[in-house]
């Protein structure tokens, strides 16, 4: 006797196959190198913190000294973290070859970032309005942009 599969069974098999493929692709889409992943996670956390601060700059009536201080303290402390994850030249990720070929400039950029985030944190501790920290926050943004200009792979627009 021949067993006949119902249309429902085929749909279930097809559905399970698609779900399995989607899960597999999702698992493969992230960085596999631990240094690249660490750098990207740290940089994302910088973006999250600067986003919170930037929202205050855009809407000064939302200024919250405690939130500002938490975010700037985080940035100042975390600014020391990603640089050790640039040791492995084979772990490019979104970094350009210039990170290693122009290491002196890259290190100067990292030191500048650490300095401007510390300065922002110092100003934030006594800030009573956006105007008190806005210039220092601008310096942090300029530092990010300066480093990313030469040391981060450009995304296709």
Protein backbone atom coordinates (compact mmCIF):
# COMPACT_ATOMS: atom_id res chain seq x y z
CA UNK A 1 0.00 0.00 0.00
CA UNK A 2 1.29 3.44 -0.94
CA UNK A 3 1.29 6.06 1.79
CA UNK A 4 -0.01 9.42 0.62
CA UNK A 5 1.26 12.58 2.34
CA UNK A 6 -1.27 15.26 2.85
CA UNK A 7 -0.71 18.80 1.74
CA UNK A 8 -0.67 19.76 5.42
CA UNK A 9 2.37 17.52 6.06
CA UNK A 10 4.29 19.05 3.18
CA UNK A 11 3.50 22.55 4.43
CA UNK A 12 4.73 21.59 7.89
CA UNK A 13 7.98 20.17 6.50
CA UNK A 14 8.51 23.23 4.31
CA UNK A 15 7.78 25.53 7.25
CA UNK A 16 10.23 23.73 9.52
CA UNK A 17 12.89 23.81 6.79
CA UNK A 18 12.50 27.57 6.34
CA UNK A 19 12.61 28.20 10.08
CA UNK A 20 15.75 26.08 10.44
CA UNK A 21 17.42 27.92 7.55
CA UNK A 22 16.50 31.31 9.03
CA UNK A 23 17.92 30.36 12.43
CA UNK A 24 21.10 29.10 10.79
CA UNK A 25 21.56 32.30 8.80
CA UNK A 26 20.93 34.43 11.87
CA UNK A 27 23.53 32.50 13.83
CA UNK A 28 26.08 32.97 11.04
CA UNK A 29 25.47 36.66 10.45
CA UNK A 30 27.40 37.97 13.47
CA UNK A 31 31.16 38.26 13.79
CA UNK A 32 32.91 35.01 14.63
CA UNK A 33 36.18 36.45 15.90
CA UNK A 34 35.96 37.25 19.63
CA UNK A 35 38.00 40.46 19.23
CA UNK A 36 35.74 41.74 16.45
CA UNK A 37 32.64 40.88 18.49
CA UNK A 38 34.06 42.59 21.59
CA UNK A 39 34.92 45.75 19.61
CA UNK A 40 31.51 45.87 18.00
CA UNK A 41 29.73 45.32 21.31
CA UNK A 42 31.76 48.07 22.98
CA UNK A 43 31.22 50.50 20.10
CA UNK A 44 27.48 49.74 20.16
CA UNK A 45 27.39 50.57 23.86
CA UNK A 46 29.15 53.88 23.08
CA UNK A 47 26.46 54.58 20.51
CA UNK A 48 23.72 53.78 23.00
CA UNK A 49 25.20 56.15 25.59
CA UNK A 50 25.86 58.97 23.13
CA UNK A 51 22.34 58.50 21.79
CA UNK A 52 20.87 59.10 25.24
CA UNK A 53 23.05 62.17 25.72
CA UNK A 54 22.33 63.38 22.19
CA UNK A 55 18.60 63.15 22.86
CA UNK A 56 19.07 65.57 25.77
CA UNK A 57 20.99 67.94 23.49
CA UNK A 58 18.18 67.81 20.90
CA UNK A 59 15.50 68.35 23.55
CA UNK A 60 17.06 70.41 26.38
CA UNK A 61 13.86 70.23 28.43
CA UNK A 62 14.57 66.50 28.91
CA UNK A 63 17.88 67.24 30.69
CA UNK A 64 18.39 64.86 33.59
CA UNK A 65 21.64 65.37 35.51
CA UNK A 66 21.65 61.86 37.00
CA UNK A 67 21.14 60.18 33.62
CA UNK A 68 23.79 62.40 32.06
CA UNK A 69 26.27 61.57 34.80
CA UNK A 70 25.59 57.84 34.50
CA UNK A 71 26.14 57.91 30.73
CA UNK A 72 29.27 60.09 30.81
CA UNK A 73 30.80 58.03 33.62
CA UNK A 74 30.14 54.92 31.58
CA UNK A 75 31.77 56.48 28.49
CA UNK A 76 34.82 57.66 30.42
CA UNK A 77 35.36 54.23 31.94
CA UNK A 78 34.49 52.21 28.83
CA UNK A 79 36.71 54.41 26.63
CA UNK A 80 39.65 52.34 27.86
CA UNK A 81 38.18 49.01 26.72
CA UNK A 82 38.20 48.37 22.97
CA UNK A 83 41.82 49.08 22.15
CA UNK A 84 43.18 45.74 23.38
CA UNK A 85 40.82 44.08 20.90
CA UNK A 86 42.75 45.55 17.97
CA UNK A 87 45.89 43.46 18.56
CA UNK A 88 45.05 40.71 16.07
CA UNK A 89 45.63 42.11 12.59
CA UNK A 90 43.71 39.20 11.07
CA UNK A 91 40.54 40.25 12.94
CA UNK A 92 39.54 43.10 10.65
CA UNK A 93 35.80 43.27 11.19
CA UNK A 94 34.85 46.84 10.25
CA UNK A 95 38.38 48.12 10.83
CA UNK A 96 40.56 49.25 7.94
CA UNK A 97 44.13 48.10 7.45
CA UNK A 98 45.18 51.59 8.60
CA UNK A 99 44.56 50.50 12.22
CA UNK A 100 47.76 48.47 11.90
CA UNK A 101 49.64 50.25 9.13
CA UNK A 102 49.26 53.64 10.86
CA UNK A 103 49.18 52.37 14.43
CA UNK A 104 50.71 55.56 15.85
CA UNK A 105 47.83 57.69 14.56
CA UNK A 106 45.29 55.09 15.62
CA UNK A 107 46.70 55.05 19.16
CA UNK A 108 46.66 58.86 19.23
CA UNK A 109 42.97 58.74 18.23
CA UNK A 110 42.23 56.24 21.01
CA UNK A 111 44.05 58.41 23.57
CA UNK A 112 42.13 61.47 22.37
CA UNK A 113 38.84 59.61 22.77
CA UNK A 114 39.78 58.64 26.32
CA UNK A 115 40.70 62.25 27.09
CA UNK A 116 37.56 63.85 25.67
CA UNK A 117 35.25 61.33 27.36
CA UNK A 118 37.00 62.02 30.68
CA UNK A 119 36.56 65.76 30.09
CA UNK A 120 32.88 65.28 29.26
CA UNK A 121 32.42 63.24 32.42
CA UNK A 122 34.10 65.92 34.53
CA UNK A 123 31.85 68.64 33.10
CA UNK A 124 28.74 66.47 33.47
CA UNK A 125 29.28 66.04 37.20
CA UNK A 126 28.35 69.69 37.80
CA UNK A 127 26.12 70.35 34.77
CA UNK A 128 22.79 71.97 35.46
CA UNK A 129 21.73 72.34 31.82
CA UNK A 130 22.55 71.12 28.33
CA UNK A 131 24.56 74.28 27.71
CA UNK A 132 27.01 73.21 30.43
CA UNK A 133 28.08 70.00 28.68
CA UNK A 134 27.19 70.53 25.02
CA UNK A 135 30.67 71.74 23.90
CA UNK A 136 32.38 68.78 25.60
CA UNK A 137 29.85 66.40 24.06
CA UNK A 138 30.66 67.90 20.66
CA UNK A 139 34.32 67.03 21.24
CA UNK A 140 33.37 63.39 21.89
CA UNK A 141 31.42 63.31 18.63
CA UNK A 142 34.33 64.89 16.77
CA UNK A 143 36.67 62.26 18.20
CA UNK A 144 34.39 59.43 17.07
CA UNK A 145 34.10 60.91 13.59
CA UNK A 146 37.83 61.53 13.27
CA UNK A 147 38.71 57.94 14.12
CA UNK A 148 35.95 56.44 11.99
CA UNK A 149 37.00 58.53 8.99
CA UNK A 150 40.36 56.78 8.69
CA UNK A 151 39.96 53.57 10.63
CA UNK A 152 36.47 52.22 9.92
CA UNK A 153 35.36 50.62 6.67
CA UNK A 154 32.89 52.84 4.84
CA UNK A 155 29.44 51.35 4.30
CA UNK A 156 27.98 51.52 0.82
CA UNK A 157 25.23 54.12 0.75
